[in-house]
Amino acid sequence: MSVIMHAEDRADALFGALADRTRRDILRRVLAGEQSVTELAAAYDMSFAAVQKHVVVLERAGLLHKRRQGRMQLASGDVQAVRSVASMLDELEEIWRGRIANIDDLLSKEH
């Protein structure tokens, strides 16, 4: 991705891309192995153009990369980007667990 995003912009792009079930499925497929956009489109009951738009959203978020091989566009998933999503979720969980621990402490002090 050529544009450097701020952390919050990156999070918005990643989670926005993952908010759609078709995009999550496309990502699962390309994480399992490189596929052409034509192969991906054949798996869905929608137009090639619609699948291509989903691929573009995933690419802009940095979750997949495309390369040309002759006339084909091949897509592959970016494992590091998926790990960054997991890391963001881990951070949120840590905050949440800290708040729960604080509530537990407050409740135990009241008794």
Protein backbone atom coordinates (compact mmCIF):
# COMPACT_ATOMS: atom_id res chain seq x y z
CA MET A 1 0.00 0.00 0.00
CA SER A 2 1.65 3.23 -1.08
CA VAL A 3 -0.26 5.60 1.20
CA ILE A 4 0.85 5.59 4.82
CA MET A 5 -2.22 5.62 7.05
CA HIS A 6 -2.54 6.74 10.62
CA ALA A 7 -3.33 3.90 13.04
CA GLU A 8 -7.01 4.82 13.37
CA ASP A 9 -7.45 5.22 9.61
CA ARG A 10 -5.83 1.82 9.13
CA ALA A 11 -8.14 0.27 11.72
CA ASP A 12 -11.16 1.82 9.99
CA ALA A 13 -10.04 0.45 6.62
CA LEU A 14 -9.35 -3.03 7.99
CA PHE A 15 -12.56 -3.38 9.99
CA GLY A 16 -14.62 -1.72 7.26
CA ALA A 17 -13.31 -4.24 4.75
CA LEU A 18 -14.02 -7.11 7.12
CA ALA A 19 -17.54 -5.87 7.89
CA ASP A 20 -18.91 -7.56 4.77
CA ARG A 21 -19.43 -11.34 4.72
CA THR A 22 -18.53 -11.68 1.03
CA ARG A 23 -15.23 -9.88 1.61
CA ARG A 24 -14.49 -12.08 4.63
CA ASP A 25 -15.12 -15.14 2.47
CA ILE A 26 -12.93 -13.81 -0.34
CA LEU A 27 -10.18 -13.18 2.21
CA ARG A 28 -10.46 -16.75 3.53
CA ARG A 29 -10.14 -18.07 0.00
CA VAL A 30 -7.06 -16.02 -0.89
CA LEU A 31 -5.40 -16.75 2.45
CA ALA A 32 -5.74 -20.46 1.61
CA GLY A 33 -4.02 -19.90 -1.73
CA GLU A 34 -3.61 -17.48 -4.59
CA GLN A 35 -6.64 -17.30 -6.87
CA SER A 36 -7.51 -15.36 -9.96
CA VAL A 37 -10.23 -12.77 -9.65
CA THR A 38 -12.13 -14.76 -12.30
CA GLU A 39 -11.97 -17.88 -10.09
CA LEU A 40 -13.17 -15.86 -7.14
CA ALA A 41 -16.06 -14.40 -9.13
CA ALA A 42 -17.20 -17.87 -10.19
CA ALA A 43 -17.76 -18.77 -6.53
CA TYR A 44 -20.43 -16.09 -5.98
CA ASP A 45 -23.90 -15.42 -7.28
CA MET A 46 -23.04 -11.87 -8.34
CA SER A 47 -21.44 -10.17 -11.29
CA PHE A 48 -17.71 -10.19 -11.93
CA ALA A 49 -17.74 -6.40 -11.45
CA ALA A 50 -19.31 -6.76 -7.99
CA VAL A 51 -16.67 -9.29 -6.91
CA GLN A 52 -13.97 -7.06 -8.36
CA LYS A 53 -15.25 -4.18 -6.20
CA HIS A 54 -15.00 -6.38 -3.10
CA VAL A 55 -11.45 -7.32 -4.07
CA VAL A 56 -10.56 -3.63 -4.46
CA VAL A 57 -11.87 -2.86 -0.96
CA LEU A 58 -9.75 -5.68 0.49
CA GLU A 59 -6.74 -4.52 -1.51
CA ARG A 60 -7.09 -0.89 -0.37
CA ALA A 61 -7.28 -2.11 3.23
CA GLY A 62 -4.06 -4.04 2.65
CA LEU A 63 -5.66 -7.42 3.34
CA LEU A 64 -4.86 -8.81 -0.10
CA HIS A 65 -2.50 -8.11 -2.94
CA LYS A 66 -3.03 -8.52 -6.66
CA ARG A 67 -0.49 -9.23 -9.31
CA ARG A 68 -0.78 -9.71 -13.04
CA GLN A 69 0.22 -12.90 -14.77
CA GLY A 70 -0.51 -12.48 -18.44
CA ARG A 71 -4.17 -11.59 -18.70
CA MET A 72 -5.03 -12.86 -15.24
CA GLN A 73 -5.20 -10.87 -12.03
CA LEU A 74 -4.09 -13.10 -9.18
CA ALA A 75 -5.04 -12.30 -5.61
CA SER A 76 -3.34 -13.49 -2.45
CA GLY A 77 -4.05 -12.74 1.18
CA ASP A 78 -1.69 -10.80 3.42
CA VAL A 79 -1.19 -12.81 6.61
CA GLN A 80 0.60 -9.91 8.32
CA ALA A 81 -2.42 -7.65 7.80
CA VAL A 82 -4.69 -10.29 9.31
CA ARG A 83 -2.31 -10.57 12.26
CA SER A 84 -2.51 -6.80 12.74
CA VAL A 85 -6.31 -7.09 12.98
CA ALA A 86 -5.90 -9.82 15.60
CA SER A 87 -3.43 -7.62 17.48
CA MET A 88 -5.90 -4.71 17.50
CA LEU A 89 -8.60 -7.00 18.86
CA ASP A 90 -6.21 -8.32 21.52
CA GLU A 91 -5.53 -4.73 22.65
CA LEU A 92 -9.26 -4.04 22.92
CA GLU A 93 -9.78 -7.26 24.86
CA GLU A 94 -6.99 -6.30 27.28
CA ILE A 95 -8.68 -2.96 27.96
CA TRP A 96 -12.03 -4.70 28.43
CA ARG A 97 -10.57 -7.29 30.79
CA GLY A 98 -8.90 -4.50 32.79
CA ARG A 99 -12.23 -2.77 33.23
CA ILE A 100 -13.88 -6.01 34.31
CA ALA A 101 -11.09 -6.54 36.86
CA ASN A 102 -11.69 -3.01 38.19
CA ILE A 103 -15.40 -3.72 38.56
CA ASP A 104 -14.61 -6.99 40.37
CA ASP A 105 -12.30 -5.09 42.74
CA LEU A 106 -14.95 -2.47 43.46
CA LEU A 107 -17.60 -5.12 44.12
CA SER A 108 -15.34 -7.11 46.45
CA LYS A 109 -14.55 -3.96 48.46
CA GLU A 110 -18.27 -3.28 48.99
CA HIS A 111 -18.81 -6.64 50.68
